[in-house]
């Protein structure tokens, strides 16, 4: 192992891969938590429109779609009626559905027509036996609880049953004569605020409607669920019944609710982060995090120490002083001191006689200059009288050139 061991304690590429996989897995986990109900197929054998089990309604949904009807599966609570389009909402509660959930959906519809299909079967789970996905376990008949029909919406409702093999349910819906083959033990309802549309032989209502609202109640789900598709006649009668209810309610399509069955897309900040329009912000935050990680990963060695804001040197001191003078607008005020500086430097380096005043010193410097050039004295008098920076720079450069020529400065 010593011959192949790395000089470092870990492989950077391996650690980078682990970090990248961890980030992707973390984001995917939260996305699945937020969007899980919407992405689920729902084929769990329950009594709802996504289920292909016996108590489900996937068969009637498929049949209506094949017949050309407008069918929608609702995963959120919202109105079924719009300005120019009305849907017949179809609710499929179970025995465990809370009354508050029913009331919330009914209040959200804004008077849109709604059909409630009451439950009839309760499924059993056998301990120690695994269930096949999409399959329904053994079940037993259980009367639908009246709490699923709030009294302030439906009045006092009673749920009963009639035993009549090969019985037929008859009535009139939207001007159509309805003749349904009924289950051997059909579930019925009755109530003072309900009008019977389709009746069983014993007089109980198989299909009823409230008097003051477009609320329909189908007492026995075996007329439209997947169990009804065991018979061609029952399946056809169920589809014709839903079509007649839609016509009676003047609906343009059907909307099967699955929020009562646990497949709704709940309102949450976590879900909003992964759906439009906030998905763009989420992607930007993820990209910013990845860029920050990349920047931290790519840096090699110790962090660079930032340089001084003002470098330490004579050149920096001169440059800073010049900047201050320029910002103050006092460039021309330095003309006289500049002339004095140049005169003193030349006189000292050339050993001018002592006791000379400024004019005599300028004349003494002129005698050391070529006859064809501009004399030092003329520049010394003109520079303090400069009217702008252009004249000032020109005369100052001329004085600098004279000093360079006399003193042989670089």
Protein backbone atom coordinates (compact mmCIF):
# COMPACT_ATOMS: atom_id res chain seq x y z
CA UNK A 1 0.00 0.00 0.00
CA UNK A 2 2.88 2.40 0.63
CA UNK A 3 3.96 2.23 -2.99
CA UNK A 4 0.57 3.34 -4.29
CA UNK A 5 -0.59 5.62 -1.52
CA UNK A 6 -1.44 9.19 -2.43
CA UNK A 7 0.47 12.08 -0.95
CA UNK A 8 -2.85 13.63 0.09
CA UNK A 9 -5.34 12.37 2.62
CA UNK A 10 -8.16 12.14 0.04
CA UNK A 11 -8.81 12.13 -3.70
CA UNK A 12 -10.17 15.57 -4.70
CA UNK A 13 -12.12 14.16 -7.64
CA UNK A 14 -13.77 11.52 -5.48
CA UNK A 15 -14.76 14.04 -2.83
CA UNK A 16 -16.07 16.41 -5.53
CA UNK A 17 -18.20 13.62 -6.98
CA UNK A 18 -19.60 12.76 -3.55
CA UNK A 19 -20.48 16.41 -2.90
CA UNK A 20 -22.15 16.78 -6.34
CA UNK A 21 -24.21 13.60 -5.87
CA UNK A 22 -25.23 14.74 -2.39
CA UNK A 23 -26.42 18.12 -3.69
CA UNK A 24 -28.44 16.57 -6.52
CA UNK A 25 -29.96 13.99 -4.16
CA UNK A 26 -30.88 16.69 -1.63
CA UNK A 27 -32.65 18.82 -4.25
CA UNK A 28 -34.41 15.78 -5.71
CA UNK A 29 -35.61 14.70 -2.25
CA UNK A 30 -37.25 18.03 -1.51
CA UNK A 31 -38.76 18.18 -5.01
CA UNK A 32 -40.32 14.74 -4.53
CA UNK A 33 -41.62 15.72 -1.10
CA UNK A 34 -43.23 18.84 -2.58
CA UNK A 35 -44.58 17.32 -5.79
CA UNK A 36 -45.15 13.72 -4.65
CA UNK A 37 -48.97 13.90 -4.57
CA UNK A 38 -49.07 15.34 -8.09
CA UNK A 39 -46.61 12.80 -9.51
CA UNK A 40 -48.30 9.78 -7.94
CA UNK A 41 -50.23 7.51 -10.31
CA UNK A 42 -52.85 6.92 -7.60
CA UNK A 43 -53.45 3.30 -8.61
CA UNK A 44 -53.73 2.04 -5.03
CA UNK A 45 -56.96 0.09 -5.30
CA UNK A 46 -58.99 2.77 -3.51
CA UNK A 47 -62.32 4.32 -4.40
CA UNK A 48 -61.32 7.26 -6.58
CA UNK A 49 -60.86 8.22 -10.22
CA UNK A 50 -57.18 7.21 -10.35
CA UNK A 51 -57.75 3.69 -9.10
CA UNK A 52 -58.12 0.64 -11.36
CA UNK A 53 -59.28 -1.55 -8.48
CA UNK A 54 -62.89 -2.70 -8.11
CA UNK A 55 -64.09 0.32 -6.05
CA UNK A 56 -62.23 2.81 -8.27
CA UNK A 57 -63.53 4.91 -11.16
CA UNK A 58 -60.71 4.75 -13.72
CA UNK A 59 -62.96 2.70 -16.03
CA UNK A 60 -65.76 5.26 -16.28
CA UNK A 61 -63.16 8.04 -16.72
CA UNK A 62 -61.62 6.19 -19.65
CA UNK A 63 -65.04 5.42 -21.15
CA UNK A 64 -66.15 9.06 -20.99
CA UNK A 65 -62.89 10.19 -22.61
CA UNK A 66 -63.27 7.63 -25.41
CA UNK A 67 -66.82 8.90 -25.95
CA UNK A 68 -65.47 12.41 -26.59
CA UNK A 69 -66.44 14.04 -23.29
CA UNK A 70 -64.25 16.66 -21.63
CA UNK A 71 -62.89 14.96 -18.50
CA UNK A 72 -60.49 16.40 -15.95
CA UNK A 73 -58.94 14.94 -12.80
CA UNK A 74 -58.82 17.63 -10.13
CA UNK A 75 -55.88 17.59 -7.71
CA UNK A 76 -56.74 20.95 -6.14
CA UNK A 77 -59.83 22.62 -4.77
CA UNK A 78 -61.13 25.28 -7.16
CA UNK A 79 -64.46 26.32 -8.75
CA UNK A 80 -66.02 24.15 -11.42
CA UNK A 81 -67.83 27.08 -13.05
CA UNK A 82 -66.24 29.78 -15.21
CA UNK A 83 -67.64 32.58 -17.36
CA UNK A 84 -68.40 30.42 -20.39
CA UNK A 85 -67.61 26.90 -19.18
CA UNK A 86 -69.20 24.75 -16.46
CA UNK A 87 -68.03 21.35 -15.25
CA UNK A 88 -69.99 18.75 -13.34
CA UNK A 89 -67.85 18.13 -10.29
CA UNK A 90 -67.84 14.49 -9.20
CA UNK A 91 -66.84 13.83 -5.60
CA UNK A 92 -66.00 10.30 -4.47
CA UNK A 93 -65.65 10.42 -0.67
CA UNK A 94 -64.76 7.40 1.43
CA UNK A 95 -65.95 6.27 4.84
CA UNK A 96 -62.96 8.07 6.38
CA UNK A 97 -63.57 11.42 4.66
CA UNK A 98 -63.98 14.30 7.10
CA UNK A 99 -67.21 16.32 6.92
CA UNK A 100 -65.10 19.48 6.96
CA UNK A 101 -63.35 18.40 3.75
CA UNK A 102 -66.73 17.91 2.01
CA UNK A 103 -67.94 21.30 3.18
CA UNK A 104 -64.75 23.01 2.01
CA UNK A 105 -65.09 21.64 -1.52
CA UNK A 106 -68.82 22.40 -1.75
CA UNK A 107 -68.28 25.98 -0.59
CA UNK A 108 -65.46 26.47 -3.10
CA UNK A 109 -67.66 25.55 -6.08
CA UNK A 110 -69.62 28.78 -6.09
CA UNK A 111 -72.92 27.10 -7.02
CA UNK A 112 -71.48 24.84 -9.73
CA UNK A 113 -73.27 21.51 -10.24
CA UNK A 114 -71.79 18.67 -8.20
CA UNK A 115 -72.40 14.94 -8.08
CA UNK A 116 -71.54 13.06 -4.89
CA UNK A 117 -71.02 9.32 -5.24
CA UNK A 118 -71.46 7.79 -1.80
CA UNK A 119 -69.11 4.99 -0.68
CA UNK A 120 -70.38 1.45 -0.17
CA UNK A 121 -67.37 -0.79 0.36
CA UNK A 122 -64.65 -0.85 2.98
CA UNK A 123 -61.44 -2.69 2.22
CA UNK A 124 -59.62 -4.97 4.64
CA UNK A 125 -55.90 -5.47 4.97
CA UNK A 126 -54.76 -8.96 5.86
CA UNK A 127 -51.96 -8.84 8.46
CA UNK A 128 -48.70 -10.37 7.31
CA UNK A 129 -49.72 -10.45 3.65
CA UNK A 130 -48.25 -7.98 1.20
CA UNK A 131 -50.62 -6.31 -1.22
CA UNK A 132 -50.07 -6.19 -4.95
CA UNK A 133 -49.80 -2.64 -6.31
CA UNK A 134 -53.17 -1.50 -7.68
CA UNK A 135 -55.05 -4.50 -6.31
CA UNK A 136 -57.98 -4.32 -3.92
CA UNK A 137 -58.01 -6.56 -0.88
CA UNK A 138 -61.08 -8.27 0.55
CA UNK A 139 -63.89 -5.89 1.40
CA UNK A 140 -67.25 -5.78 3.07
CA UNK A 141 -70.36 -3.74 2.53
CA UNK A 142 -70.68 -0.76 4.90
CA UNK A 143 -73.46 1.79 4.77
CA UNK A 144 -72.26 5.29 3.82
CA UNK A 145 -72.16 7.63 6.83
CA UNK A 146 -74.65 10.50 6.67
CA UNK A 147 -71.98 12.91 7.97
CA UNK A 148 -70.65 13.02 4.39
CA UNK A 149 -73.77 15.06 3.50
CA UNK A 150 -73.80 18.24 5.65
CA UNK A 151 -77.30 18.95 6.90
CA UNK A 152 -77.20 22.65 5.94
CA UNK A 153 -76.59 21.60 2.34
CA UNK A 154 -78.69 18.45 2.00
CA UNK A 155 -81.08 18.48 4.94
CA UNK A 156 -81.67 15.36 6.99
CA UNK A 157 -80.65 12.38 4.87
CA UNK A 158 -81.05 8.69 5.65
CA UNK A 159 -79.05 5.93 3.96
CA UNK A 160 -80.71 2.56 3.49
CA UNK A 161 -80.62 -0.48 1.24
CA UNK A 162 -82.94 -2.75 -0.71
CA UNK A 163 -82.40 -6.40 -1.58
CA UNK A 164 -83.92 -7.21 -4.93
CA UNK A 165 -82.05 -9.49 -7.36
CA UNK A 166 -82.25 -8.35 -10.97
CA UNK A 167 -84.07 -5.17 -9.97
CA UNK A 168 -84.18 -2.12 -12.21
CA UNK A 169 -83.89 1.52 -11.27
CA UNK A 170 -86.17 3.81 -13.23
CA UNK A 171 -86.73 7.53 -13.48
CA UNK A 172 -86.43 10.68 -15.61
CA UNK A 173 -83.26 12.75 -15.88
CA UNK A 174 -83.01 15.70 -18.30
CA UNK A 175 -86.07 14.42 -20.14
CA UNK A 176 -84.54 10.97 -20.63
CA UNK A 177 -86.10 7.78 -19.42
CA UNK A 178 -83.54 6.02 -17.22
CA UNK A 179 -83.60 2.24 -16.80
CA UNK A 180 -80.64 0.94 -14.78
CA UNK A 181 -79.71 -2.61 -13.80
CA UNK A 182 -79.28 -2.42 -10.02
CA UNK A 183 -76.99 -4.46 -7.77
CA UNK A 184 -78.61 -7.22 -5.79
CA UNK A 185 -78.22 -5.21 -2.56
CA UNK A 186 -78.60 -1.63 -3.74
CA UNK A 187 -77.83 1.33 -1.47
CA UNK A 188 -80.49 4.06 -1.39
CA UNK A 189 -81.09 7.41 0.26
CA UNK A 190 -84.08 9.44 1.35
CA UNK A 191 -84.59 12.95 2.67
CA UNK A 192 -87.18 15.68 2.96
CA UNK A 193 -85.06 18.15 0.96
CA UNK A 194 -84.27 15.71 -1.85
CA UNK A 195 -86.06 15.04 -5.13
CA UNK A 196 -85.83 11.47 -6.37
CA UNK A 197 -84.63 11.22 -9.98
CA UNK A 198 -84.03 7.46 -10.19
CA UNK A 199 -85.80 5.16 -7.74
CA UNK A 200 -85.32 1.56 -6.70
CA UNK A 201 -88.32 -0.79 -6.76
CA UNK A 202 -88.89 -0.20 -3.03
CA UNK A 203 -89.12 3.57 -3.47
CA UNK A 204 -85.69 4.55 -2.15
CA UNK A 205 -83.73 7.02 -4.24
CA UNK A 206 -80.74 5.71 -6.18
CA UNK A 207 -80.15 9.15 -7.67
CA UNK A 208 -81.47 12.30 -5.98
CA UNK A 209 -81.09 16.06 -6.31
CA UNK A 210 -81.44 18.83 -3.75
CA UNK A 211 -84.37 21.18 -4.33
CA UNK A 212 -82.54 24.50 -4.03
CA UNK A 213 -79.11 23.61 -5.48
CA UNK A 214 -77.65 21.64 -8.38
CA UNK A 215 -76.32 18.98 -6.01
CA UNK A 216 -76.79 15.37 -7.08
CA UNK A 217 -76.32 12.27 -4.93
CA UNK A 218 -75.68 8.82 -6.41
CA UNK A 219 -76.38 6.45 -3.54
CA UNK A 220 -74.79 3.28 -4.97
CA UNK A 221 -71.28 3.52 -6.45
CA UNK A 222 -71.58 0.11 -8.12
CA UNK A 223 -73.47 1.79 -10.95
CA UNK A 224 -70.39 3.68 -12.19
CA UNK A 225 -67.30 2.20 -10.49
CA UNK A 226 -64.95 -0.37 -11.98
CA UNK A 227 -67.08 -3.17 -10.55
CA UNK A 228 -69.86 -2.09 -12.89
CA UNK A 229 -67.61 -2.87 -15.86
CA UNK A 230 -68.04 -6.57 -15.17
CA UNK A 231 -71.14 -6.20 -17.29
CA UNK A 232 -71.37 -4.39 -20.62
CA UNK A 233 -74.96 -3.31 -19.91
CA UNK A 234 -74.08 -1.90 -16.49
CA UNK A 235 -71.09 0.01 -17.86
CA UNK A 236 -73.14 1.49 -20.69
CA UNK A 237 -75.97 2.40 -18.31
CA UNK A 238 -73.52 4.11 -15.95
CA UNK A 239 -72.02 6.20 -18.75
CA UNK A 240 -75.51 7.16 -20.00
CA UNK A 241 -76.50 8.10 -16.44
CA UNK A 242 -73.53 10.46 -16.02
CA UNK A 243 -74.25 11.96 -19.44
CA UNK A 244 -77.87 12.57 -18.44
CA UNK A 245 -76.82 14.19 -15.16
CA UNK A 246 -74.38 16.44 -17.03
CA UNK A 247 -77.16 17.47 -19.43
CA UNK A 248 -79.57 18.12 -16.56
CA UNK A 249 -76.94 20.30 -14.87
CA UNK A 250 -76.16 22.08 -18.18
CA UNK A 251 -72.48 21.14 -17.78
CA UNK A 252 -69.85 21.22 -20.52
CA UNK A 253 -67.59 18.56 -19.02
CA UNK A 254 -66.76 16.39 -16.03
CA UNK A 255 -64.24 17.00 -13.24
CA UNK A 256 -63.40 14.08 -10.96
CA UNK A 257 -62.05 15.27 -7.62
CA UNK A 258 -59.20 13.28 -6.04
CA UNK A 259 -58.30 15.68 -3.23
CA UNK A 260 -60.70 13.86 -0.89
CA UNK A 261 -58.65 10.72 -1.49
CA UNK A 262 -55.28 12.25 -0.58
CA UNK A 263 -53.98 13.10 -4.05
CA UNK A 264 -54.36 16.86 -3.91
CA UNK A 265 -51.55 19.33 -4.45
CA UNK A 266 -51.48 21.16 -1.14
CA UNK A 267 -50.59 24.83 -0.97
CA UNK A 268 -47.15 25.10 0.61
CA UNK A 269 -44.05 27.20 0.23
CA UNK A 270 -42.08 24.05 -0.54
CA UNK A 271 -44.32 23.17 -3.50
CA UNK A 272 -44.31 26.76 -4.77
CA UNK A 273 -40.51 26.60 -5.00
CA UNK A 274 -40.77 23.92 -7.69
CA UNK A 275 -43.66 25.20 -9.80
CA UNK A 276 -43.98 28.29 -12.07
CA UNK A 277 -43.40 31.15 -11.61
CA UNK A 278 -41.13 30.55 -8.61
CA UNK A 279 -39.20 27.71 -10.24
CA UNK A 280 -37.06 30.37 -11.97
CA UNK A 281 -35.99 31.83 -8.61
CA UNK A 282 -35.23 28.34 -7.31
CA UNK A 283 -33.05 27.56 -10.34
CA UNK A 284 -31.19 30.87 -9.92
CA UNK A 285 -30.50 30.10 -6.24
CA UNK A 286 -29.26 26.61 -7.14
CA UNK A 287 -27.00 28.04 -9.86
CA UNK A 288 -25.64 30.66 -7.44
CA UNK A 289 -24.89 27.96 -4.87
CA UNK A 290 -23.10 25.84 -7.47
CA UNK A 291 -21.02 28.84 -8.61
CA UNK A 292 -20.07 29.60 -5.01
CA UNK A 293 -19.07 25.97 -4.52
CA UNK A 294 -17.03 26.01 -7.73
CA UNK A 295 -15.26 29.19 -6.68
CA UNK A 296 -14.38 27.71 -3.29
CA UNK A 297 -13.20 24.50 -4.92
CA UNK A 298 -11.02 26.12 -7.61
CA UNK A 299 -9.03 28.38 -5.26
CA UNK A 300 -5.60 26.94 -4.62
CA UNK A 301 -3.25 27.92 -1.83
CA UNK A 302 -3.74 30.62 0.79
CA UNK A 303 -6.05 33.52 0.09
CA UNK A 304 -4.38 36.49 -1.57
CA UNK A 305 -3.67 39.41 0.73
CA UNK A 306 -5.16 42.58 -0.72
CA UNK A 307 -2.63 45.27 -1.60
CA UNK A 308 -2.38 48.65 0.13
CA UNK A 309 -4.79 51.28 -1.06
CA UNK A 310 -1.86 53.79 -1.12
CA UNK A 311 1.52 52.25 -2.11
CA UNK A 312 4.56 53.18 -0.01
CA UNK A 313 7.04 55.11 -2.28
CA UNK A 314 8.08 58.61 -3.31
CA UNK A 315 6.34 58.17 -6.66
CA UNK A 316 3.09 57.26 -4.90
CA UNK A 317 3.45 60.29 -2.61
CA UNK A 318 4.01 62.59 -5.58
CA UNK A 319 1.09 61.06 -7.49
CA UNK A 320 -1.25 61.41 -4.52
CA UNK A 321 -0.17 65.02 -3.96
CA UNK A 322 -0.76 65.78 -7.64
CA UNK A 323 -4.20 64.22 -7.43
CA UNK A 324 -5.11 66.35 -4.43
CA UNK A 325 -3.94 69.53 -6.21
CA UNK A 326 -5.87 68.58 -9.34
CA UNK A 327 -9.08 67.80 -7.45
CA UNK A 328 -8.76 71.14 -5.62
CA UNK A 329 -8.29 72.99 -8.93
CA UNK A 330 -5.08 74.69 -7.68
CA UNK A 331 -2.64 73.65 -10.43
CA UNK A 332 -1.81 77.23 -11.47
CA UNK A 333 -1.02 78.23 -7.87
CA UNK A 334 2.11 76.09 -8.02
CA UNK A 335 3.76 78.14 -10.80
CA UNK A 336 5.78 80.48 -8.60
CA UNK A 337 7.02 77.72 -6.22
CA UNK A 338 7.98 75.59 -9.24
CA UNK A 339 10.09 78.47 -10.69
CA UNK A 340 11.74 78.99 -7.30
CA UNK A 341 12.50 75.27 -7.04
CA UNK A 342 14.10 75.12 -10.49
CA UNK A 343 16.16 78.31 -9.90
CA UNK A 344 17.47 77.10 -6.55
CA UNK A 345 18.40 73.66 -7.89
CA UNK A 346 20.33 75.08 -10.87
CA UNK A 347 22.10 77.76 -8.84
CA UNK A 348 23.14 75.27 -6.15
CA UNK A 349 24.38 72.62 -8.58
CA UNK A 350 26.30 75.16 -10.75
CA UNK A 351 27.70 76.99 -7.71
CA UNK A 352 26.23 80.43 -8.45
CA UNK A 353 27.86 83.37 -6.57
CA UNK A 354 26.41 84.06 -3.16
CA UNK A 355 24.26 87.09 -2.47
CA UNK A 356 22.40 87.19 -5.85
CA UNK A 357 18.70 88.03 -5.82
CA UNK A 358 16.14 86.28 -8.06
CA UNK A 359 16.65 88.56 -11.11
CA UNK A 360 20.44 88.38 -10.89
CA UNK A 361 20.31 84.61 -10.50
CA UNK A 362 18.10 84.33 -13.60
CA UNK A 363 20.53 86.51 -15.58
CA UNK A 364 23.46 84.40 -14.35
CA UNK A 365 21.64 81.21 -15.52
CA UNK A 366 20.89 82.81 -18.92
CA UNK A 367 24.67 83.26 -19.51
CA UNK A 368 25.09 79.47 -19.29
CA UNK A 369 22.42 78.80 -21.96
CA UNK A 370 22.90 78.74 -25.73
CA UNK A 371 22.19 82.05 -27.44
CA UNK A 372 19.56 80.62 -29.79
CA UNK A 373 17.33 79.22 -27.01
CA UNK A 374 14.67 80.90 -24.91
CA UNK A 375 16.27 82.43 -21.79
CA UNK A 376 15.49 81.11 -18.32
CA UNK A 377 14.53 84.59 -17.11
CA UNK A 378 11.76 84.94 -19.70
CA UNK A 379 10.23 81.61 -18.74
CA UNK A 380 10.52 82.46 -15.02
CA UNK A 381 8.56 85.68 -15.54
CA UNK A 382 5.92 84.12 -17.84
CA UNK A 383 5.14 80.94 -15.95
CA UNK A 384 3.40 82.58 -12.91
CA UNK A 385 1.22 84.49 -15.42
CA UNK A 386 -0.13 81.32 -17.12
CA UNK A 387 -3.89 81.53 -17.81
CA UNK A 388 -4.62 77.80 -18.17
CA UNK A 389 -3.04 74.43 -17.60
CA UNK A 390 -1.95 74.18 -21.23
CA UNK A 391 0.26 77.29 -20.97
CA UNK A 392 1.41 76.21 -17.52
CA UNK A 393 2.52 72.75 -18.71
CA UNK A 394 4.30 74.14 -21.77
CA UNK A 395 6.42 76.65 -19.79
CA UNK A 396 7.03 74.18 -16.93
CA UNK A 397 8.29 71.59 -19.44
CA UNK A 398 10.62 74.22 -20.94
CA UNK A 399 12.07 75.01 -17.50
CA UNK A 400 12.50 71.29 -16.85
CA UNK A 401 14.36 70.89 -20.14
CA UNK A 402 16.73 73.76 -19.24
CA UNK A 403 17.51 72.13 -15.88
CA UNK A 404 18.10 68.78 -17.55
CA UNK A 405 20.48 70.27 -20.10
CA UNK A 406 22.47 72.28 -17.55
CA UNK A 407 22.66 69.66 -14.84
CA UNK A 408 22.72 66.60 -17.13
CA UNK A 409 19.79 65.06 -15.17
CA UNK A 410 18.09 62.01 -16.68
